C-alpha cells in the first residue's frame, strides 16, 4: 500500500479518515517508546525479562485496527506489545505486568511480556511456543457454534509453525471452518534458527493450502497493507468464510529477548539494512506527503507520549510489590483445607522470621 518513499500504491482510495491515520501513527510511536522503556527497565533490574518488539509495530498495529476490541478474541504471543497497546491495554497495567507490581491484573503470577486482559478478550500469553494456537481455534469454533458474528485472531512467530500444536490447530480450523485468522509475524529467526533451517517450504503462507484455507504474504513493515488485508480477512471470517493464514514479513531490530546475543547469528549489516525499512518513518513519510503530519506535530506527539509512558511507569511502581501471600489466592474458587493449611504454615514461618505478613 505504501512504497519505501511513503507513496500510496494501493490501487484504490485509502478510506481511513484523518483522525484514524494520525492515531495509527501515534500508536506506532507509542509502541516504539514503550519498547525502548521496557529494555531500560530490564537493564536496570526493574524487570527480569523483555522480548523487544521494535520492527514489528506495523504488523501489530495493522492487526489491532482490524479488530473489534471487546468482541473479537485475541490470542497474542510474547512479542505483541504494539498489538496490546493498540487494542487498548492500559499502559499502567502493561508496565505493572512487566515489573510484577500490584498494577498487574495477573497479580504478578506471569513472567514479563505475557499480557492478558479479560475486558479486551485478550488471552494470556503462554511461554510454550504455539501452545496457544489450539486454544485459539477452540474459541473460534465456539464463536461459530454460538453464531455471534465474532471472530478470533491468533498471532505467532514463524518458529511456531515448526511445532506440532500449530499443525494440529490449523488442520482442525480448516476442517471446522472456524472464524479465525492466523497471523504469522515472520522476522526470519526463531531465536537463532533461520527460516531456511526450519522448513523446506518456500514460505509460511503456502502451508495454508494443506489445511483448506487461503494463505497470504504481506509486507509487515507497511501498516496500511497489514490493516487492509486483516480487515478483509477478519470480515470474511465473521461472515462465515472460515479461516485464513497471513504471513507478515517483519524484522526484529533487537535480540530475540534480553537473554539472547543476536550478534552471534546475524550480521550487523543485515540489521542495518532492515533499519532502512523502519515502518515508523515510512508511515510518517506517507502522512507528510498528504499534509497530515509535520515536524511540529511530531515534537508534540513525542512529548505527550513520553509523558504518558513516564506516568504509566510511575503508577505501576507506586502500586507496590505483590505480597507473597497472594500466591494462595485464586488458585481454586473455594480454597481447600489443604490450601488453607499451607497458607497458615506460610504465615507462621513469616512471623517466626519477624517478617511483615502483608495485607
Protein backbone atom coordinates (compact mmCIF):
# COMPACT_ATOMS: atom_id res chain seq x y z
CA UNK A 1 0.00 0.00 0.00
CA UNK A 2 2.88 2.36 0.79
CA UNK A 3 6.21 2.13 -1.02
CA UNK A 4 9.57 2.81 0.60
CA UNK A 5 9.26 6.53 -0.14
CA UNK A 6 5.88 6.68 1.58
CA UNK A 7 3.82 6.99 -1.62
CA UNK A 8 0.40 5.33 -1.79
CA UNK A 9 0.45 2.42 -4.25
CA UNK A 10 -2.69 0.64 -3.14
CA UNK A 11 -4.56 0.85 -6.41
CA UNK A 12 -7.66 2.10 -4.59
CA UNK A 13 -8.51 5.08 -2.41
CA UNK A 14 -7.50 4.93 1.23
CA UNK A 15 -10.79 5.12 3.12
CA UNK A 16 -9.37 5.74 6.59
CA UNK A 17 -10.22 9.20 7.88
CA UNK A 18 -7.55 11.65 9.01
CA UNK A 19 -8.01 11.11 12.79
CA UNK A 20 -7.65 7.33 12.31
CA UNK A 21 -4.48 7.69 10.24
CA UNK A 22 -2.94 10.04 12.78
CA UNK A 23 -3.98 7.79 15.67
CA UNK A 24 -2.41 4.83 13.88
CA UNK A 25 0.87 6.70 13.61
CA UNK A 26 0.73 7.70 17.27
CA UNK A 27 0.28 4.05 18.20
CA UNK A 28 3.38 3.18 16.19
CA UNK A 29 5.34 5.87 18.03
CA UNK A 30 3.99 4.86 21.42
CA UNK A 31 4.80 1.20 20.86
CA UNK A 32 8.40 2.06 19.98
CA UNK A 33 8.74 4.28 23.06
CA UNK A 34 7.30 1.58 25.31
CA UNK A 35 9.66 -0.98 23.82
CA UNK A 36 12.65 1.26 24.49
CA UNK A 37 11.50 1.84 28.08
CA UNK A 38 10.99 -1.88 28.67
CA UNK A 39 14.56 -2.55 27.59
CA UNK A 40 15.79 0.09 30.05
CA UNK A 41 13.68 -1.35 32.87
CA UNK A 42 15.18 -4.77 32.29
CA UNK A 43 18.72 -3.46 32.13
CA UNK A 44 18.27 -1.53 35.38
CA UNK A 45 16.91 -4.56 37.23
CA UNK A 46 13.27 -3.43 37.48
CA UNK A 47 12.11 -6.21 35.20
CA UNK A 48 13.61 -9.65 34.69
CA UNK A 49 12.85 -10.19 31.02
CA UNK A 50 11.91 -8.39 27.82
CA UNK A 51 11.13 -9.56 24.28
CA UNK A 52 11.84 -6.49 22.10
CA UNK A 53 9.15 -5.68 19.55
CA UNK A 54 10.82 -2.86 17.58
CA UNK A 55 10.34 -3.62 13.90
CA UNK A 56 7.06 -5.49 14.45
CA UNK A 57 4.94 -2.40 15.15
CA UNK A 58 3.33 -2.01 11.72
CA UNK A 59 2.15 -5.61 11.60
CA UNK A 60 0.73 -5.45 15.11
CA UNK A 61 -0.96 -2.07 14.82
CA UNK A 62 -2.40 -3.12 11.48
CA UNK A 63 -3.90 -6.20 13.13
CA UNK A 64 -5.26 -4.17 16.05
CA UNK A 65 -7.09 -1.68 13.84
CA UNK A 66 -8.83 -4.53 12.01
CA UNK A 67 -10.35 -5.89 15.25
CA UNK A 68 -13.39 -5.05 17.29
CA UNK A 69 -11.98 -4.84 20.83
CA UNK A 70 -14.25 -6.46 23.37
CA UNK A 71 -15.86 -8.69 20.72
CA UNK A 72 -13.19 -10.44 18.71
CA UNK A 73 -10.91 -12.75 20.68
CA UNK A 74 -7.16 -12.12 20.57
CA UNK A 75 -4.56 -14.84 21.15
CA UNK A 76 -1.22 -12.97 21.14
CA UNK A 77 2.34 -14.07 21.65
CA UNK A 78 5.10 -12.63 23.81
CA UNK A 79 6.31 -10.01 21.31
CA UNK A 80 2.90 -8.38 20.78
CA UNK A 81 3.50 -5.18 22.75
CA UNK A 82 2.21 -2.90 20.00
CA UNK A 83 -0.87 -5.06 19.46
CA UNK A 84 -1.74 -4.97 23.16
CA UNK A 85 -1.29 -1.20 23.29
CA UNK A 86 -3.28 -0.52 20.13
CA UNK A 87 -6.30 -2.54 21.29
CA UNK A 88 -6.41 -0.52 24.49
CA UNK A 89 -4.40 -2.32 27.17
CA UNK A 90 -3.76 0.39 29.80
CA UNK A 91 -0.10 1.34 29.98
CA UNK A 92 -0.01 1.18 33.77
CA UNK A 93 -1.20 -2.44 33.59
CA UNK A 94 1.37 -3.17 30.90
CA UNK A 95 4.24 -1.87 32.99
CA UNK A 96 2.78 -3.47 36.11
CA UNK A 97 2.81 -6.82 34.33
CA UNK A 98 6.39 -6.30 33.18
CA UNK A 99 7.56 -5.34 36.67
CA UNK A 100 5.28 -7.68 38.61
CA UNK A 101 3.60 -4.99 40.74
CA UNK A 102 0.06 -4.72 42.09
CA UNK A 103 -0.89 -2.88 38.90
CA UNK A 104 -0.66 -6.23 37.10
CA UNK A 105 -4.14 -7.77 36.59
CA UNK A 106 -2.44 -11.19 36.74
CA UNK A 107 -1.22 -10.30 40.27
CA UNK A 108 2.43 -10.88 39.42
CA UNK A 109 1.97 -14.52 38.51
CA UNK A 110 3.14 -14.40 34.92
CA UNK A 111 6.67 -13.76 33.71
CA UNK A 112 7.17 -10.40 31.93
CA UNK A 113 5.99 -9.99 28.31
CA UNK A 114 2.94 -12.19 28.95
CA UNK A 115 -0.07 -9.86 28.68
CA UNK A 116 -3.68 -10.81 29.09
CA UNK A 117 -6.95 -8.92 29.56
CA UNK A 118 -10.43 -10.24 30.23
CA UNK A 119 -12.20 -6.98 29.17
CA UNK A 120 -10.28 -6.94 25.88
CA UNK A 121 -10.81 -10.67 25.31
CA UNK A 122 -7.04 -10.99 25.08
CA UNK A 123 -5.92 -14.47 26.08
CA UNK A 124 -2.93 -14.52 28.43
CA UNK A 125 0.29 -15.26 26.58
CA UNK A 126 1.80 -18.71 27.11
CA UNK A 127 5.55 -19.30 27.10
CA UNK A 128 5.38 -22.68 25.36
CA UNK A 129 5.66 -21.92 21.65
CA UNK A 130 2.42 -22.50 19.67
CA UNK A 131 0.57 -23.88 22.70
CA UNK A 132 -1.98 -21.05 22.40
CA UNK A 133 -2.87 -21.86 18.78
CA UNK A 134 -5.16 -24.84 19.54
CA UNK A 135 -6.87 -22.81 22.26
CA UNK A 136 -7.47 -20.01 19.75
CA UNK A 137 -9.13 -22.45 17.38
CA UNK A 138 -11.30 -23.64 20.25
CA UNK A 139 -12.52 -20.08 20.81
CA UNK A 140 -13.23 -19.66 17.12
CA UNK A 141 -15.22 -22.89 16.92
CA UNK A 142 -17.23 -21.75 19.94
CA UNK A 143 -17.94 -18.46 18.16
CA UNK A 144 -19.16 -20.37 15.13
CA UNK A 145 -21.44 -22.58 17.23
CA UNK A 146 -22.90 -19.54 19.00
CA UNK A 147 -23.40 -17.72 15.73
CA UNK A 148 -22.49 -14.40 17.33
CA UNK A 149 -20.75 -12.99 14.24
CA UNK A 150 -17.43 -12.57 16.03
CA UNK A 151 -14.02 -13.93 15.08
CA UNK A 152 -10.61 -14.72 16.56
CA UNK A 153 -7.10 -13.65 15.63
CA UNK A 154 -4.08 -15.68 16.66
CA UNK A 155 -0.54 -14.33 16.30
CA UNK A 156 2.83 -16.07 16.50
CA UNK A 157 6.33 -16.03 15.10
CA UNK A 158 7.44 -18.29 12.26
CA UNK A 159 9.15 -20.58 14.78
CA UNK A 160 5.70 -21.64 15.99
CA UNK A 161 4.99 -23.16 12.58
CA UNK A 162 7.57 -25.85 13.35
CA UNK A 163 5.52 -27.10 16.30
CA UNK A 164 3.03 -29.95 16.20
CA UNK A 165 0.42 -27.87 18.05
CA UNK A 166 0.42 -25.39 15.17
CA UNK A 167 -0.24 -28.00 12.50
CA UNK A 168 -2.93 -29.77 14.53
CA UNK A 169 -4.66 -26.46 15.20
CA UNK A 170 -4.67 -25.32 11.57
CA UNK A 171 -5.92 -28.71 10.44
CA UNK A 172 -8.81 -28.55 12.91
CA UNK A 173 -9.62 -24.94 11.98
CA UNK A 174 -9.77 -25.84 8.31
CA UNK A 175 -11.91 -28.90 8.91
CA UNK A 176 -14.35 -26.97 11.10
CA UNK A 177 -14.45 -23.76 9.04
CA UNK A 178 -13.53 -21.82 12.16
CA UNK A 179 -13.79 -17.99 12.04
CA UNK A 180 -10.13 -17.32 12.75
CA UNK A 181 -7.21 -15.52 11.13
CA UNK A 182 -3.74 -16.84 11.88
CA UNK A 183 -1.19 -14.01 11.68
CA UNK A 184 2.44 -15.12 11.47
CA UNK A 185 4.95 -12.35 12.17
CA UNK A 186 7.93 -13.77 10.32
CA UNK A 187 11.09 -11.96 11.40
CA UNK A 188 13.37 -14.57 9.89
CA UNK A 189 14.65 -16.11 13.11
CA UNK A 190 13.25 -18.49 15.70
CA UNK A 191 15.71 -17.19 18.29
CA UNK A 192 18.90 -18.05 16.39
CA UNK A 193 17.47 -20.55 13.91
CA UNK A 194 16.96 -19.06 10.46
CA UNK A 195 13.88 -19.65 8.35
CA UNK A 196 15.63 -21.92 5.85
CA UNK A 197 16.71 -24.21 8.69
CA UNK A 198 13.12 -24.56 9.88
CA UNK A 199 11.22 -25.58 6.75
CA UNK A 200 11.61 -26.71 3.19
CA UNK A 201 8.54 -24.68 2.19
CA UNK A 202 9.07 -21.57 0.11
CA UNK A 203 7.32 -19.53 2.79
CA UNK A 204 4.83 -19.90 5.63
CA UNK A 205 1.81 -18.70 3.66
CA UNK A 206 1.92 -21.66 1.29
CA UNK A 207 1.33 -24.05 4.20
CA UNK A 208 -2.27 -22.78 4.40
CA UNK A 209 -3.37 -24.74 1.34
CA UNK A 210 -2.66 -28.07 3.03
CA UNK A 211 -5.32 -27.21 5.58
CA UNK A 212 -8.02 -25.97 3.23
CA UNK A 213 -7.63 -22.25 3.77
CA UNK A 214 -6.17 -19.35 1.80
CA UNK A 215 -2.67 -18.09 2.55
CA UNK A 216 -1.42 -14.54 2.11
CA UNK A 217 2.01 -12.94 2.12
CA UNK A 218 2.21 -9.25 3.08
CA UNK A 219 4.87 -6.63 3.82
CA UNK A 220 4.77 -6.46 7.60
CA UNK A 221 6.69 -3.18 7.60
CA UNK A 222 3.70 -1.45 5.92
CA UNK A 223 0.99 -0.72 8.47
CA UNK A 224 -1.69 0.04 5.88
CA UNK A 225 -1.03 -3.14 3.90
CA UNK A 226 -1.37 -5.15 7.10
CA UNK A 227 -4.50 -3.29 8.14
CA UNK A 228 -6.36 -3.66 4.85
CA UNK A 229 -5.57 -7.34 4.49
CA UNK A 230 -6.50 -8.12 8.08
CA UNK A 231 -9.69 -6.06 7.83
CA UNK A 232 -10.81 -8.06 4.81
CA UNK A 233 -9.93 -11.43 6.32
CA UNK A 234 -11.49 -10.72 9.71
CA UNK A 235 -14.67 -9.58 7.97
CA UNK A 236 -14.68 -12.76 5.88
CA UNK A 237 -14.21 -14.88 8.99
CA UNK A 238 -17.11 -13.14 10.71
CA UNK A 239 -19.26 -13.72 7.62
CA UNK A 240 -18.68 -17.46 7.73
CA UNK A 241 -15.98 -17.93 5.10
CA UNK A 242 -13.69 -19.79 7.51
CA UNK A 243 -10.03 -19.41 8.47
CA UNK A 244 -7.07 -17.80 6.72
CA UNK A 245 -3.32 -17.66 7.26
CA UNK A 246 -1.34 -14.43 6.84
CA UNK A 247 2.44 -14.26 6.78
CA UNK A 248 3.72 -10.79 7.65
CA UNK A 249 7.36 -10.21 6.74
CA UNK A 250 8.88 -8.17 9.58
CA UNK A 251 12.23 -7.83 11.32
CA UNK A 252 13.12 -7.51 14.97
CA UNK A 253 15.74 -4.84 15.49
CA UNK A 254 16.70 -6.09 18.93
CA UNK A 255 17.69 -9.57 20.10
CA UNK A 256 15.14 -12.33 20.48
CA UNK A 257 14.99 -11.48 24.18
CA UNK A 258 17.10 -10.00 26.94
CA UNK A 259 18.69 -13.45 27.29
CA UNK A 260 19.86 -13.54 23.65
CA UNK A 261 23.03 -12.35 21.90
CA UNK A 262 21.85 -11.82 18.33
CA UNK A 263 25.30 -10.72 17.20
CA UNK A 264 26.33 -14.36 17.21
CA UNK A 265 23.99 -15.44 14.42
CA UNK A 266 23.13 -12.41 12.29
CA UNK A 267 25.45 -9.80 10.77
CA UNK A 268 25.23 -6.14 11.73
CA UNK A 269 24.90 -5.27 8.03
CA UNK A 270 21.65 -7.22 7.86
CA UNK A 271 20.18 -5.36 10.81
CA UNK A 272 21.27 -2.01 9.34
CA UNK A 273 19.65 -2.83 6.00
CA UNK A 274 16.35 -3.63 7.67
CA UNK A 275 16.52 -0.44 9.73
CA UNK A 276 16.34 1.43 6.44
CA UNK A 277 12.87 -0.09 6.08
CA UNK A 278 11.71 1.04 9.54
CA UNK A 279 7.88 1.11 9.43
CA UNK A 280 7.57 4.28 11.51
CA UNK A 281 9.47 6.75 9.27
CA UNK A 282 7.86 5.04 6.29
CA UNK A 283 4.34 5.77 7.51
CA UNK A 284 5.36 9.26 8.59
CA UNK A 285 6.50 9.99 5.02
CA UNK A 286 3.08 8.93 3.79
CA UNK A 287 1.31 11.25 6.22
CA UNK A 288 3.62 14.13 5.40
CA UNK A 289 3.01 13.58 1.70
CA UNK A 290 -0.70 14.11 2.35
CA UNK A 291 -0.10 17.14 4.53
CA UNK A 292 -1.32 15.30 7.64
CA UNK A 293 1.91 15.44 9.64
CA UNK A 294 4.88 17.73 10.13
CA UNK A 295 7.80 18.34 12.47
CA UNK A 296 5.70 20.37 14.92
CA UNK A 297 3.13 17.56 15.24
CA UNK A 298 5.98 15.10 15.65
CA UNK A 299 7.53 17.02 18.55
CA UNK A 300 4.16 17.49 20.23
CA UNK A 301 3.24 13.83 19.86
CA UNK A 302 6.56 12.58 21.18
CA UNK A 303 6.41 14.89 24.20
CA UNK A 304 2.87 13.85 25.03
CA UNK A 305 3.51 10.14 24.56
CA UNK A 306 6.73 10.29 26.58
CA UNK A 307 4.72 11.86 29.38
CA UNK A 308 2.17 9.05 29.18
CA UNK A 309 4.91 6.45 29.39
CA UNK A 310 6.54 8.20 32.37
CA UNK A 311 3.21 8.45 34.17
CA UNK A 312 2.39 4.79 33.50
CA UNK A 313 5.75 3.58 34.81
CA UNK A 314 5.35 5.74 37.91
CA UNK A 315 1.82 4.44 38.52
CA UNK A 316 2.93 0.82 38.09
CA UNK A 317 5.78 1.29 40.57
CA UNK A 318 3.62 3.22 43.03
CA UNK A 319 1.14 0.34 43.13
CA UNK A 320 3.71 -1.53 45.18
CA UNK A 321 5.10 -5.02 45.23
CA UNK A 322 2.83 -8.02 45.08
CA UNK A 323 2.52 -9.64 48.54
CA UNK A 324 3.88 -13.17 48.65
CA UNK A 325 0.70 -14.39 50.30
CA UNK A 326 -1.25 -13.64 47.13
CA UNK A 327 0.11 -16.92 45.78
CA UNK A 328 -2.66 -18.69 47.67
CA UNK A 329 -5.49 -16.60 46.21
CA UNK A 330 -7.46 -17.52 43.09
CA UNK A 331 -5.93 -20.98 42.86
CA UNK A 332 -9.37 -22.52 43.36
CA UNK A 333 -12.79 -20.89 43.55
CA UNK A 334 -13.09 -22.30 47.08
CA UNK A 335 -9.80 -22.88 48.92
CA UNK A 336 -9.40 -26.48 50.03
CA UNK A 337 -8.48 -27.33 53.64
CA UNK A 338 -5.03 -28.34 52.39
CA UNK A 339 -4.53 -24.93 50.76
CA UNK A 340 -5.64 -23.16 53.92
CA UNK A 341 -3.20 -25.21 55.97
CA UNK A 342 -0.42 -24.23 53.57
CA UNK A 343 -1.41 -20.59 53.92
CA UNK A 344 -1.28 -20.79 57.70
CA UNK A 345 2.12 -22.51 57.67
CA UNK A 346 3.38 -19.75 55.38
CA UNK A 347 2.10 -17.07 57.78
CA UNK A 348 3.64 -18.84 60.76
CA UNK A 349 7.00 -19.07 59.00
CA UNK A 350 6.96 -15.35 58.24
CA UNK A 351 6.03 -14.50 61.83
CA UNK A 352 8.83 -16.68 63.12
CA UNK A 353 11.25 -14.88 60.80
CA UNK A 354 9.98 -11.49 62.01
CA UNK A 355 8.77 -10.56 58.54
CA UNK A 356 5.77 -8.45 57.66
CA UNK A 357 2.99 -10.74 56.51
CA UNK A 358 1.49 -8.05 54.30
CA UNK A 359 -2.22 -7.47 53.67
